[in-house]
Amino acid sequence: SVFLTNYKGRPFMEGIFDSKPLRNTLAALTLGVLLVAAEAVPALNAALQLEPLPNTLLAPGAAQFSALSRVLASAEARGATFSHALLALCVFDLVAAHLWDRAVVRILSSTLPRRLP
């Protein structure tokens, strides 16, 4: 998410969608992370020597005092697993990093140099 967000491309570098090798590499890496996090290909996780993810979101006997633990308990009651939470976190990280970058650029755009024609 950091590389995708910070790569600016034009006018000083090739655009991210103009460079076929870069685009394909980033797409493959994103797909790989999602496949591993979802445990969609158990053989791949075994080849990478990754331990299986737990089926529960909360540790047994975990205190239910914080708002996060109550949200996790509610999600777990609806059938969500740790894998679902990890996938949601990956997508959230990608979207939030991009939105944060756009917001900061918009706020500071008066102090940044203008684009070249």
N, C-alpha and C. Protein backbone atom coordinates (compact mmCIF):
# COMPACT_ATOMS: atom_id res chain seq x y z
N SER A 1 0.83 -1.19 0.00
CA SER A 1 0.00 0.00 0.00
C SER A 1 0.87 1.25 0.00
N VAL A 2 1.99 1.20 0.68
CA VAL A 2 2.86 2.38 0.74
C VAL A 2 3.44 2.68 -0.64
N PHE A 3 3.90 1.65 -1.34
CA PHE A 3 4.48 1.88 -2.67
C PHE A 3 3.42 2.38 -3.64
N LEU A 4 2.25 1.75 -3.63
CA LEU A 4 1.18 2.19 -4.53
C LEU A 4 0.77 3.62 -4.24
N THR A 5 0.75 4.00 -2.99
CA THR A 5 0.33 5.35 -2.62
C THR A 5 1.40 6.38 -2.95
N ASN A 6 2.65 6.06 -2.69
CA ASN A 6 3.72 7.04 -2.85
C ASN A 6 4.25 7.15 -4.28
N TYR A 7 3.95 6.21 -5.14
CA TYR A 7 4.42 6.29 -6.52
C TYR A 7 3.65 7.37 -7.24
N LYS A 8 4.32 8.41 -7.67
CA LYS A 8 3.65 9.55 -8.28
C LYS A 8 3.64 9.50 -9.81
N GLY A 9 4.63 8.91 -10.44
CA GLY A 9 4.61 8.78 -11.90
C GLY A 9 4.89 10.08 -12.61
N ARG A 10 4.00 10.44 -13.51
CA ARG A 10 4.20 11.60 -14.37
C ARG A 10 4.28 12.89 -13.57
N PRO A 11 4.98 13.89 -13.99
CA PRO A 11 5.71 14.07 -15.24
C PRO A 11 7.16 13.60 -15.18
N PHE A 12 7.63 13.15 -14.02
CA PHE A 12 9.04 12.83 -13.89
C PHE A 12 9.36 11.37 -14.11
N MET A 13 8.37 10.51 -13.97
CA MET A 13 8.58 9.07 -14.13
C MET A 13 7.43 8.51 -14.95
N GLU A 14 7.60 7.28 -15.38
CA GLU A 14 6.56 6.61 -16.14
C GLU A 14 5.36 6.35 -15.23
N GLY A 15 4.16 6.49 -15.75
CA GLY A 15 2.95 6.24 -14.98
C GLY A 15 2.86 4.78 -14.58
N ILE A 16 2.17 4.51 -13.48
CA ILE A 16 2.11 3.15 -12.95
C ILE A 16 1.39 2.21 -13.92
N PHE A 17 0.41 2.70 -14.68
CA PHE A 17 -0.29 1.85 -15.64
C PHE A 17 0.38 1.85 -17.00
N ASP A 18 1.35 2.75 -17.22
CA ASP A 18 2.09 2.77 -18.48
C ASP A 18 3.21 1.74 -18.49
N SER A 19 3.72 1.41 -17.34
CA SER A 19 4.81 0.44 -17.22
C SER A 19 4.21 -0.95 -16.98
N LYS A 20 4.18 -1.75 -18.04
CA LYS A 20 3.55 -3.07 -17.95
C LYS A 20 4.24 -3.98 -16.92
N PRO A 21 5.58 -4.04 -16.87
CA PRO A 21 6.21 -4.90 -15.86
C PRO A 21 5.90 -4.46 -14.43
N LEU A 22 5.91 -3.16 -14.17
CA LEU A 22 5.60 -2.66 -12.83
C LEU A 22 4.15 -2.96 -12.46
N ARG A 23 3.24 -2.69 -13.38
CA ARG A 23 1.82 -2.94 -13.14
C ARG A 23 1.56 -4.42 -12.86
N ASN A 24 2.15 -5.30 -13.67
CA ASN A 24 1.94 -6.74 -13.49
C ASN A 24 2.56 -7.24 -12.19
N THR A 25 3.73 -6.72 -11.84
CA THR A 25 4.38 -7.12 -10.59
C THR A 25 3.54 -6.71 -9.38
N LEU A 26 3.05 -5.48 -9.38
CA LEU A 26 2.23 -5.00 -8.26
C LEU A 26 0.91 -5.77 -8.18
N ALA A 27 0.32 -6.09 -9.33
CA ALA A 27 -0.92 -6.88 -9.33
C ALA A 27 -0.67 -8.28 -8.80
N ALA A 28 0.44 -8.89 -9.20
CA ALA A 28 0.77 -10.25 -8.72
C ALA A 28 1.05 -10.25 -7.22
N LEU A 29 1.76 -9.25 -6.73
CA LEU A 29 2.05 -9.16 -5.31
C LEU A 29 0.78 -8.94 -4.49
N THR A 30 -0.10 -8.08 -4.98
CA THR A 30 -1.36 -7.84 -4.28
C THR A 30 -2.20 -9.10 -4.25
N LEU A 31 -2.29 -9.79 -5.38
CA LEU A 31 -3.04 -11.05 -5.44
C LEU A 31 -2.41 -12.10 -4.53
N GLY A 32 -1.08 -12.16 -4.51
CA GLY A 32 -0.39 -13.12 -3.64
C GLY A 32 -0.66 -12.88 -2.17
N VAL A 33 -0.62 -11.62 -1.76
CA VAL A 33 -0.90 -11.30 -0.35
C VAL A 33 -2.33 -11.68 0.01
N LEU A 34 -3.28 -11.37 -0.88
CA LEU A 34 -4.67 -11.71 -0.61
C LEU A 34 -4.88 -13.22 -0.57
N LEU A 35 -4.23 -13.97 -1.46
CA LEU A 35 -4.35 -15.43 -1.45
C LEU A 35 -3.78 -16.04 -0.18
N VAL A 36 -2.64 -15.53 0.26
CA VAL A 36 -2.02 -16.05 1.48
C VAL A 36 -2.85 -15.70 2.70
N ALA A 37 -3.34 -14.46 2.75
CA ALA A 37 -4.14 -14.03 3.90
C ALA A 37 -5.46 -14.78 3.98
N ALA A 38 -6.04 -15.10 2.83
CA ALA A 38 -7.31 -15.83 2.81
C ALA A 38 -7.12 -17.33 2.97
N GLU A 39 -5.89 -17.78 2.95
CA GLU A 39 -5.57 -19.21 3.00
C GLU A 39 -6.32 -19.95 1.90
N ALA A 40 -6.40 -19.32 0.71
CA ALA A 40 -7.12 -19.91 -0.42
C ALA A 40 -6.37 -21.08 -1.02
N VAL A 41 -5.05 -21.06 -0.93
CA VAL A 41 -4.22 -22.15 -1.47
C VAL A 41 -3.37 -22.69 -0.32
N PRO A 42 -3.88 -23.69 0.40
CA PRO A 42 -3.14 -24.21 1.56
C PRO A 42 -1.73 -24.71 1.20
N ALA A 43 -1.55 -25.22 -0.01
CA ALA A 43 -0.23 -25.70 -0.42
C ALA A 43 0.77 -24.53 -0.49
N LEU A 44 0.31 -23.37 -0.92
CA LEU A 44 1.17 -22.19 -0.98
C LEU A 44 1.58 -21.76 0.42
N ASN A 45 0.62 -21.74 1.34
CA ASN A 45 0.94 -21.38 2.73
C ASN A 45 1.91 -22.39 3.34
N ALA A 46 1.74 -23.67 3.01
CA ALA A 46 2.64 -24.69 3.53
C ALA A 46 4.04 -24.52 2.93
N ALA A 47 4.11 -24.21 1.64
CA ALA A 47 5.41 -24.00 0.99
C ALA A 47 6.14 -22.80 1.58
N LEU A 48 5.39 -21.79 1.98
CA LEU A 48 5.98 -20.61 2.60
C LEU A 48 6.19 -20.79 4.10
N GLN A 49 5.84 -21.97 4.61
CA GLN A 49 5.97 -22.33 6.02
C GLN A 49 5.19 -21.37 6.92
N LEU A 50 3.96 -21.04 6.50
CA LEU A 50 3.09 -20.18 7.29
C LEU A 50 2.18 -21.04 8.15
N GLU A 51 2.02 -20.65 9.37
CA GLU A 51 1.13 -21.38 10.28
C GLU A 51 -0.32 -21.07 9.92
N PRO A 52 -1.22 -22.02 10.12
CA PRO A 52 -2.63 -21.73 9.86
C PRO A 52 -3.14 -20.63 10.80
N LEU A 53 -4.03 -19.81 10.26
CA LEU A 53 -4.60 -18.74 11.06
C LEU A 53 -5.63 -19.32 12.03
N PRO A 54 -5.78 -18.70 13.19
CA PRO A 54 -6.79 -19.19 14.13
C PRO A 54 -8.20 -18.98 13.58
N ASN A 55 -9.14 -19.76 14.05
CA ASN A 55 -10.53 -19.63 13.60
C ASN A 55 -11.31 -18.60 14.39
N THR A 56 -10.76 -18.14 15.51
CA THR A 56 -11.47 -17.19 16.34
C THR A 56 -10.79 -15.83 16.29
N LEU A 57 -11.58 -14.80 16.53
CA LEU A 57 -11.03 -13.44 16.54
C LEU A 57 -10.49 -13.06 17.90
N LEU A 58 -11.09 -13.59 18.94
CA LEU A 58 -10.68 -13.26 20.31
C LEU A 58 -10.07 -14.48 20.97
N ALA A 59 -9.09 -14.24 21.81
CA ALA A 59 -8.50 -15.33 22.58
C ALA A 59 -9.53 -15.81 23.60
N PRO A 60 -9.53 -17.11 23.89
CA PRO A 60 -10.49 -17.60 24.89
C PRO A 60 -10.29 -16.88 26.23
N GLY A 61 -11.38 -16.43 26.81
CA GLY A 61 -11.32 -15.74 28.09
C GLY A 61 -10.86 -14.30 28.00
N ALA A 62 -10.79 -13.74 26.79
CA ALA A 62 -10.36 -12.36 26.64
C ALA A 62 -11.40 -11.42 27.25
N ALA A 63 -10.92 -10.38 27.86
CA ALA A 63 -11.82 -9.41 28.49
C ALA A 63 -12.65 -8.70 27.43
N GLN A 64 -13.91 -8.48 27.70
CA GLN A 64 -14.83 -7.84 26.76
C GLN A 64 -15.07 -6.37 27.12
N PHE A 65 -14.05 -5.69 27.62
CA PHE A 65 -14.26 -4.34 28.12
C PHE A 65 -14.06 -3.26 27.05
N SER A 66 -13.17 -3.47 26.13
CA SER A 66 -12.90 -2.43 25.15
C SER A 66 -13.93 -2.48 24.02
N ALA A 67 -14.05 -1.37 23.32
CA ALA A 67 -14.99 -1.30 22.20
C ALA A 67 -14.55 -2.25 21.08
N LEU A 68 -13.23 -2.35 20.85
CA LEU A 68 -12.74 -3.25 19.81
C LEU A 68 -13.09 -4.70 20.11
N SER A 69 -12.93 -5.12 21.36
CA SER A 69 -13.24 -6.51 21.70
C SER A 69 -14.73 -6.78 21.55
N ARG A 70 -15.58 -5.78 21.82
CA ARG A 70 -17.03 -5.97 21.62
C ARG A 70 -17.36 -6.07 20.14
N VAL A 71 -16.70 -5.27 19.30
CA VAL A 71 -16.92 -5.35 17.86
C VAL A 71 -16.46 -6.70 17.33
N LEU A 72 -15.29 -7.16 17.77
CA LEU A 72 -14.79 -8.46 17.33
C LEU A 72 -15.69 -9.59 17.79
N ALA A 73 -16.21 -9.51 19.00
CA ALA A 73 -17.12 -10.54 19.49
C ALA A 73 -18.40 -10.56 18.67
N SER A 74 -18.89 -9.40 18.29
CA SER A 74 -20.09 -9.31 17.46
C SER A 74 -19.84 -9.91 16.08
N ALA A 75 -18.69 -9.59 15.49
CA ALA A 75 -18.34 -10.13 14.17
C ALA A 75 -18.17 -11.64 14.23
N GLU A 76 -17.57 -12.12 15.30
CA GLU A 76 -17.37 -13.55 15.47
C GLU A 76 -18.71 -14.28 15.61
N ALA A 77 -19.65 -13.65 16.26
CA ALA A 77 -20.98 -14.25 16.42
C ALA A 77 -21.69 -14.37 15.07
N ARG A 78 -21.35 -13.50 14.12
CA ARG A 78 -21.94 -13.57 12.79
C ARG A 78 -21.16 -14.49 11.86
N GLY A 79 -20.14 -15.17 12.35
CA GLY A 79 -19.41 -16.14 11.55
C GLY A 79 -18.09 -15.66 10.96
N ALA A 80 -17.64 -14.46 11.31
CA ALA A 80 -16.37 -13.96 10.80
C ALA A 80 -15.21 -14.71 11.45
N THR A 81 -14.17 -14.95 10.68
CA THR A 81 -12.98 -15.62 11.19
C THR A 81 -11.81 -14.63 11.19
N PHE A 82 -10.70 -15.07 11.72
CA PHE A 82 -9.50 -14.24 11.75
C PHE A 82 -9.05 -13.93 10.33
N SER A 83 -9.22 -14.88 9.42
CA SER A 83 -8.86 -14.68 8.02
C SER A 83 -9.69 -13.54 7.40
N HIS A 84 -10.98 -13.50 7.71
CA HIS A 84 -11.82 -12.42 7.22
C HIS A 84 -11.34 -11.07 7.75
N ALA A 85 -11.02 -11.03 9.01
CA ALA A 85 -10.55 -9.79 9.63
C ALA A 85 -9.23 -9.34 9.01
N LEU A 86 -8.35 -10.28 8.71
CA LEU A 86 -7.06 -9.94 8.10
C LEU A 86 -7.25 -9.40 6.69
N LEU A 87 -8.13 -10.01 5.92
CA LEU A 87 -8.42 -9.52 4.57
C LEU A 87 -9.03 -8.12 4.62
N ALA A 88 -9.96 -7.91 5.54
CA ALA A 88 -10.58 -6.58 5.68
C ALA A 88 -9.53 -5.54 6.07
N LEU A 89 -8.60 -5.92 6.93
CA LEU A 89 -7.54 -5.01 7.34
C LEU A 89 -6.62 -4.66 6.17
N CYS A 90 -6.30 -5.63 5.32
CA CYS A 90 -5.46 -5.37 4.14
C CYS A 90 -6.14 -4.39 3.20
N VAL A 91 -7.41 -4.60 2.92
CA VAL A 91 -8.15 -3.70 2.03
C VAL A 91 -8.27 -2.32 2.66
N PHE A 92 -8.59 -2.27 3.95
CA PHE A 92 -8.69 -0.99 4.65
C PHE A 92 -7.38 -0.22 4.60
N ASP A 93 -6.26 -0.92 4.79
CA ASP A 93 -4.95 -0.28 4.76
C ASP A 93 -4.68 0.34 3.40
N LEU A 94 -4.99 -0.37 2.35
CA LEU A 94 -4.76 0.13 0.99
C LEU A 94 -5.62 1.36 0.71
N VAL A 95 -6.88 1.30 1.04
CA VAL A 95 -7.79 2.42 0.79
C VAL A 95 -7.45 3.61 1.68
N ALA A 96 -7.22 3.37 2.96
CA ALA A 96 -6.93 4.46 3.90
C ALA A 96 -5.62 5.17 3.55
N ALA A 97 -4.60 4.42 3.16
CA ALA A 97 -3.32 5.05 2.78
C ALA A 97 -3.51 5.95 1.57
N HIS A 98 -4.28 5.49 0.60
CA HIS A 98 -4.51 6.29 -0.60
C HIS A 98 -5.31 7.55 -0.26
N LEU A 99 -6.38 7.40 0.52
CA LEU A 99 -7.19 8.56 0.89
C LEU A 99 -6.41 9.57 1.72
N TRP A 100 -5.57 9.07 2.63
CA TRP A 100 -4.75 9.96 3.45
C TRP A 100 -3.77 10.75 2.58
N ASP A 101 -3.15 10.08 1.62
CA ASP A 101 -2.22 10.75 0.72
C ASP A 101 -2.94 11.83 -0.09
N ARG A 102 -4.10 11.50 -0.63
CA ARG A 102 -4.86 12.48 -1.42
C ARG A 102 -5.24 13.68 -0.55
N ALA A 103 -5.65 13.44 0.69
CA ALA A 103 -6.04 14.53 1.58
C ALA A 103 -4.85 15.44 1.89
N VAL A 104 -3.70 14.85 2.20
CA VAL A 104 -2.51 15.64 2.52
C VAL A 104 -2.05 16.44 1.31
N VAL A 105 -2.07 15.83 0.14
CA VAL A 105 -1.67 16.55 -1.07
C VAL A 105 -2.63 17.71 -1.33
N ARG A 106 -3.92 17.49 -1.14
CA ARG A 106 -4.90 18.56 -1.36
C ARG A 106 -4.70 19.69 -0.36
N ILE A 107 -4.45 19.36 0.90
CA ILE A 107 -4.26 20.39 1.94
C ILE A 107 -2.98 21.18 1.69
N LEU A 108 -1.93 20.48 1.31
CA LEU A 108 -0.63 21.15 1.13
C LEU A 108 -0.36 21.56 -0.30
N SER A 109 -1.33 21.45 -1.19
CA SER A 109 -1.09 21.71 -2.60
C SER A 109 -0.67 23.15 -2.87
N SER A 110 -1.06 24.07 -2.02
CA SER A 110 -0.64 25.46 -2.24
C SER A 110 0.85 25.64 -2.00
N THR A 111 1.46 24.75 -1.21
CA THR A 111 2.89 24.87 -0.94
C THR A 111 3.74 23.98 -1.84
N LEU A 112 3.10 23.07 -2.58
CA LEU A 112 3.83 22.17 -3.46
C LEU A 112 4.04 22.84 -4.82
N PRO A 113 5.12 22.48 -5.51
CA PRO A 113 5.33 23.05 -6.84
C PRO A 113 4.24 22.58 -7.81
N ARG A 114 3.91 23.41 -8.77
CA ARG A 114 2.89 23.08 -9.76
C ARG A 114 3.44 22.05 -10.74
N ARG A 115 2.54 21.28 -11.36
CA ARG A 115 2.95 20.32 -12.38
C ARG A 115 3.47 21.02 -13.60
N LEU A 116 4.43 20.39 -14.24
CA LEU A 116 4.95 20.93 -15.49
C LEU A 116 3.97 20.60 -16.60
N PRO A 117 3.85 21.47 -17.60
CA PRO A 117 2.92 21.19 -18.71
C PRO A 117 3.35 20.02 -19.55
